[in-house]
């Protein structure tokens, strides 16, 4: 009979798990700058996104977006002060036009710019896309090409909830969420809907809702529309 030291083995298994998680976090881009430095870089990134979309006004840090920017800074720095789980992605919630898409597209652009600028291609580039576009792509090519890419998915919940494939009805985004939830893949997103709405039967349902909870830190961006 083998004599087993339960406490020792449990400790060894815990250390293995910690090592595996550290490997995941070290594969994610980390930016160690002050908050003021971060906002300086972020503002220029946001201004670039505004320009390519035809807007001449500049991005402004104010009382409606500052708390969110502070969390994005802490998340990108992988700081323990981040008010969530660093292993998860960020789902930015808010009303129509409140600036969610601009913040997350600017976040993706800033990270990608720095990765390209310093040629640190050990980190993944973030692809900013919409749930509508992904829904169409999955319907055409299947879910596997989208399973492992690092995504910022805009407008969760606004895509068609079902499509027909050779007479069968299925939900492409629910399938994508299901596949990505079980992988250490970076996924961020934005949505106009609450988690309660997203987990309802009219959207993704309770099973996919549990996966959303496991994948995302839900952060609310306050305020009404900024569109003029």
Protein backbone atom coordinates (compact mmCIF):
# COMPACT_ATOMS: atom_id res chain seq x y z
CA UNK A 1 0.00 0.00 0.00
CA UNK A 2 1.24 3.48 -0.89
CA UNK A 3 1.41 5.97 1.96
CA UNK A 4 0.13 9.34 0.73
CA UNK A 5 0.85 12.69 2.35
CA UNK A 6 -2.41 14.45 1.45
CA UNK A 7 -1.32 17.90 2.62
CA UNK A 8 1.92 17.75 0.64
CA UNK A 9 0.23 16.54 -2.55
CA UNK A 10 -2.52 19.16 -2.25
CA UNK A 11 0.14 21.85 -1.86
CA UNK A 12 2.04 20.55 -4.91
CA UNK A 13 -1.15 20.54 -7.00
CA UNK A 14 -1.96 24.08 -5.88
CA UNK A 15 1.51 25.24 -6.94
CA UNK A 16 1.00 23.61 -10.37
CA UNK A 17 -2.25 25.53 -10.76
CA UNK A 18 -0.59 28.79 -9.73
CA UNK A 19 2.21 28.24 -12.26
CA UNK A 20 -0.33 27.54 -15.02
CA UNK A 21 -2.24 30.75 -14.19
CA UNK A 22 0.96 32.80 -14.07
CA UNK A 23 1.82 31.53 -17.55
CA UNK A 24 -1.55 32.77 -18.82
CA UNK A 25 -1.10 36.22 -17.25
CA UNK A 26 2.47 36.61 -18.51
CA UNK A 27 1.20 35.98 -22.05
CA UNK A 28 -1.02 39.04 -21.70
CA UNK A 29 0.28 42.51 -22.43
CA UNK A 30 1.27 44.47 -19.33
CA UNK A 31 1.81 48.25 -19.25
CA UNK A 32 3.43 49.71 -16.16
CA UNK A 33 2.87 53.46 -16.29
CA UNK A 34 1.20 55.97 -13.99
CA UNK A 35 -2.47 56.79 -14.43
CA UNK A 36 -1.59 60.24 -15.80
CA UNK A 37 0.78 58.68 -18.34
CA UNK A 38 -1.87 56.14 -19.27
CA UNK A 39 -4.52 58.80 -19.87
CA UNK A 40 -2.08 60.79 -22.00
CA UNK A 41 -1.50 57.76 -24.24
CA UNK A 42 -5.15 56.73 -24.15
CA UNK A 43 -6.37 60.18 -25.21
CA UNK A 44 -4.15 60.12 -28.30
CA UNK A 45 -5.35 56.62 -29.12
CA UNK A 46 -8.97 57.75 -28.76
CA UNK A 47 -8.31 60.84 -30.90
CA UNK A 48 -6.96 58.58 -33.63
CA UNK A 49 -10.14 56.46 -33.52
CA UNK A 50 -12.24 59.64 -33.67
CA UNK A 51 -10.29 60.93 -36.68
CA UNK A 52 -10.58 57.74 -38.73
CA UNK A 53 -14.31 57.85 -38.08
CA UNK A 54 -14.53 61.44 -39.33
CA UNK A 55 -14.85 63.35 -36.02
CA UNK A 56 -12.81 66.50 -35.34
CA UNK A 57 -13.41 66.86 -31.58
CA UNK A 58 -10.91 65.51 -29.05
CA UNK A 59 -11.37 62.84 -26.42
CA UNK A 60 -11.89 64.26 -22.94
CA UNK A 61 -11.48 62.57 -19.56
CA UNK A 62 -14.42 63.61 -17.37
CA UNK A 63 -16.51 62.43 -14.45
CA UNK A 64 -18.50 60.08 -16.68
CA UNK A 65 -15.58 58.02 -17.94
CA UNK A 66 -12.78 58.56 -15.41
CA UNK A 67 -13.69 55.67 -13.09
CA UNK A 68 -13.77 53.32 -16.10
CA UNK A 69 -10.43 54.61 -17.37
CA UNK A 70 -8.91 54.00 -13.94
CA UNK A 71 -10.05 50.39 -14.09
CA UNK A 72 -8.69 49.98 -17.64
CA UNK A 73 -5.36 51.35 -16.40
CA UNK A 74 -5.25 48.93 -13.46
CA UNK A 75 -6.26 46.04 -15.69
CA UNK A 76 -3.60 46.81 -18.29
CA UNK A 77 -1.02 47.11 -15.50
CA UNK A 78 -2.23 43.79 -14.07
CA UNK A 79 -2.54 45.54 -10.73
CA UNK A 80 -4.02 43.80 -7.71
CA UNK A 81 -5.98 47.03 -7.14
CA UNK A 82 -8.14 46.22 -10.17
CA UNK A 83 -11.72 45.82 -8.96
CA UNK A 84 -12.24 42.42 -10.52
CA UNK A 85 -10.53 39.27 -11.72
CA UNK A 86 -7.46 39.81 -13.90
CA UNK A 87 -7.94 36.35 -15.43
CA UNK A 88 -11.17 37.52 -17.04
CA UNK A 89 -11.82 40.00 -19.83
CA UNK A 90 -13.75 43.24 -19.56
CA UNK A 91 -17.37 43.68 -20.62
CA UNK A 92 -18.23 47.39 -20.70
CA UNK A 93 -21.94 48.04 -20.15
CA UNK A 94 -23.85 51.25 -20.72
CA UNK A 95 -26.54 53.13 -22.59
CA UNK A 96 -26.55 53.78 -26.32
CA UNK A 97 -24.00 56.42 -27.30
CA UNK A 98 -22.32 56.73 -23.89
CA UNK A 99 -18.85 56.03 -25.34
CA UNK A 100 -18.35 52.30 -24.68
CA UNK A 101 -17.20 51.46 -28.19
CA UNK A 102 -14.76 54.37 -28.32
CA UNK A 103 -13.18 53.37 -25.02
CA UNK A 104 -12.72 49.72 -25.94
CA UNK A 105 -11.60 50.39 -29.53
CA UNK A 106 -9.09 52.91 -28.18
CA UNK A 107 -7.94 50.35 -25.60
CA UNK A 108 -7.35 47.81 -28.38
CA UNK A 109 -5.57 50.37 -30.57
CA UNK A 110 -3.28 51.48 -27.73
CA UNK A 111 -2.26 47.93 -26.88
CA UNK A 112 -1.71 47.02 -30.53
CA UNK A 113 0.28 50.21 -31.18
CA UNK A 114 2.67 49.46 -28.33
CA UNK A 115 3.08 45.82 -29.33
CA UNK A 116 3.92 46.85 -32.89
CA UNK A 117 6.06 49.82 -31.79
CA UNK A 118 8.28 47.68 -29.61
CA UNK A 119 7.89 44.47 -31.63
CA UNK A 120 6.80 42.38 -28.66
CA UNK A 121 4.84 39.88 -30.73
CA UNK A 122 4.82 37.36 -27.91
CA UNK A 123 1.62 39.18 -26.97
CA UNK A 124 -1.53 38.89 -29.10
CA UNK A 125 -2.90 41.81 -31.08
CA UNK A 126 -6.50 42.64 -30.23
CA UNK A 127 -9.03 42.51 -33.07
CA UNK A 128 -11.85 45.01 -32.58
CA UNK A 129 -15.00 43.75 -34.29
CA UNK A 130 -18.76 43.64 -33.86
CA UNK A 131 -20.98 40.77 -32.78
CA UNK A 132 -22.92 41.26 -36.02
CA UNK A 133 -19.81 40.75 -38.15
CA UNK A 134 -18.72 37.70 -36.15
CA UNK A 135 -22.19 36.22 -36.45
CA UNK A 136 -21.93 36.46 -40.25
CA UNK A 137 -18.39 35.05 -40.28
CA UNK A 138 -19.33 32.08 -38.11
CA UNK A 139 -22.35 31.35 -40.29
CA UNK A 140 -20.05 31.27 -43.33
CA UNK A 141 -16.92 29.59 -41.99
CA UNK A 142 -17.83 27.95 -38.71
CA UNK A 143 -16.74 28.87 -35.19
CA UNK A 144 -13.22 27.38 -35.14
CA UNK A 145 -11.44 30.25 -37.02
CA UNK A 146 -12.72 32.60 -34.29
CA UNK A 147 -12.06 30.32 -31.34
CA UNK A 148 -8.60 31.51 -30.27
CA UNK A 149 -8.13 35.04 -31.62
CA UNK A 150 -7.87 37.90 -29.12
CA UNK A 151 -11.10 39.87 -29.58
CA UNK A 152 -12.81 43.03 -28.44
CA UNK A 153 -16.39 42.27 -29.47
CA UNK A 154 -18.58 45.35 -29.78
CA UNK A 155 -22.36 45.33 -29.25
CA UNK A 156 -22.93 41.98 -27.59
CA UNK A 157 -26.60 41.08 -27.88
CA UNK A 158 -27.43 43.19 -30.96
CA UNK A 159 -26.63 40.46 -33.49
CA UNK A 160 -29.28 38.07 -34.91
CA UNK A 161 -29.95 35.47 -32.23
CA UNK A 162 -30.37 32.62 -34.69
CA UNK A 163 -29.38 31.70 -38.24
CA UNK A 164 -30.34 28.85 -40.54
CA UNK A 165 -27.71 26.33 -41.60
CA UNK A 166 -28.97 23.59 -43.95
CA UNK A 167 -32.36 23.73 -42.29
CA UNK A 168 -31.03 23.82 -38.73
CA UNK A 169 -31.34 26.85 -36.48
CA UNK A 170 -28.48 27.83 -34.20
CA UNK A 171 -27.05 30.87 -32.40
CA UNK A 172 -23.53 31.68 -33.70
CA UNK A 173 -22.57 34.00 -30.84
CA UNK A 174 -23.74 31.57 -28.19
CA UNK A 175 -21.61 28.91 -29.86
CA UNK A 176 -18.61 31.26 -29.93
CA UNK A 177 -19.01 32.13 -26.25
CA UNK A 178 -19.26 28.45 -25.39
CA UNK A 179 -16.06 27.61 -27.27
CA UNK A 180 -14.04 30.56 -25.95
CA UNK A 181 -15.16 30.19 -22.32
CA UNK A 182 -13.14 26.98 -22.00
CA UNK A 183 -9.92 28.46 -23.38
CA UNK A 184 -7.39 30.97 -21.95
CA UNK A 185 -8.29 33.33 -24.78
CA UNK A 186 -8.55 37.08 -24.30
CA UNK A 187 -12.09 38.34 -24.87
CA UNK A 188 -13.34 41.85 -24.15
CA UNK A 189 -16.65 43.35 -25.17
CA UNK A 190 -19.29 46.04 -24.94
CA UNK A 191 -23.04 45.77 -24.54
CA UNK A 192 -26.11 47.92 -24.09
CA UNK A 193 -27.77 45.16 -22.09
CA UNK A 194 -27.58 44.02 -18.49
CA UNK A 195 -26.28 40.58 -17.59
CA UNK A 196 -29.82 39.64 -16.57
CA UNK A 197 -31.06 40.48 -20.08
CA UNK A 198 -28.17 38.68 -21.80
CA UNK A 199 -28.89 35.52 -19.81
CA UNK A 200 -32.60 35.53 -20.63
CA UNK A 201 -34.15 33.06 -23.06
CA UNK A 202 -34.59 35.80 -25.66
CA UNK A 203 -30.82 36.31 -25.78
CA UNK A 204 -28.21 33.68 -24.81
CA UNK A 205 -30.00 31.76 -22.07
CA UNK A 206 -28.89 30.79 -18.57
CA UNK A 207 -26.22 28.24 -19.55
CA UNK A 208 -24.34 30.73 -21.77
CA UNK A 209 -25.03 33.36 -19.11
CA UNK A 210 -22.95 31.35 -16.64
CA UNK A 211 -20.13 31.32 -19.17
CA UNK A 212 -20.41 35.10 -19.58
CA UNK A 213 -19.99 35.47 -15.82
CA UNK A 214 -16.92 33.26 -15.98
CA UNK A 215 -15.41 35.18 -18.91
CA UNK A 216 -15.98 38.83 -18.03
CA UNK A 217 -15.62 41.54 -15.44
CA UNK A 218 -18.78 43.61 -15.96
CA UNK A 219 -18.02 47.34 -15.70
CA UNK A 220 -20.74 49.97 -16.08
CA UNK A 221 -19.98 53.18 -17.96
CA UNK A 222 -22.25 55.87 -16.55
CA UNK A 223 -23.99 58.68 -18.36
CA UNK A 224 -26.23 59.23 -21.35
CA UNK A 225 -25.42 59.64 -24.99
CA UNK A 226 -22.44 61.74 -26.06
CA UNK A 227 -23.59 61.82 -29.66
CA UNK A 228 -24.42 65.25 -30.99
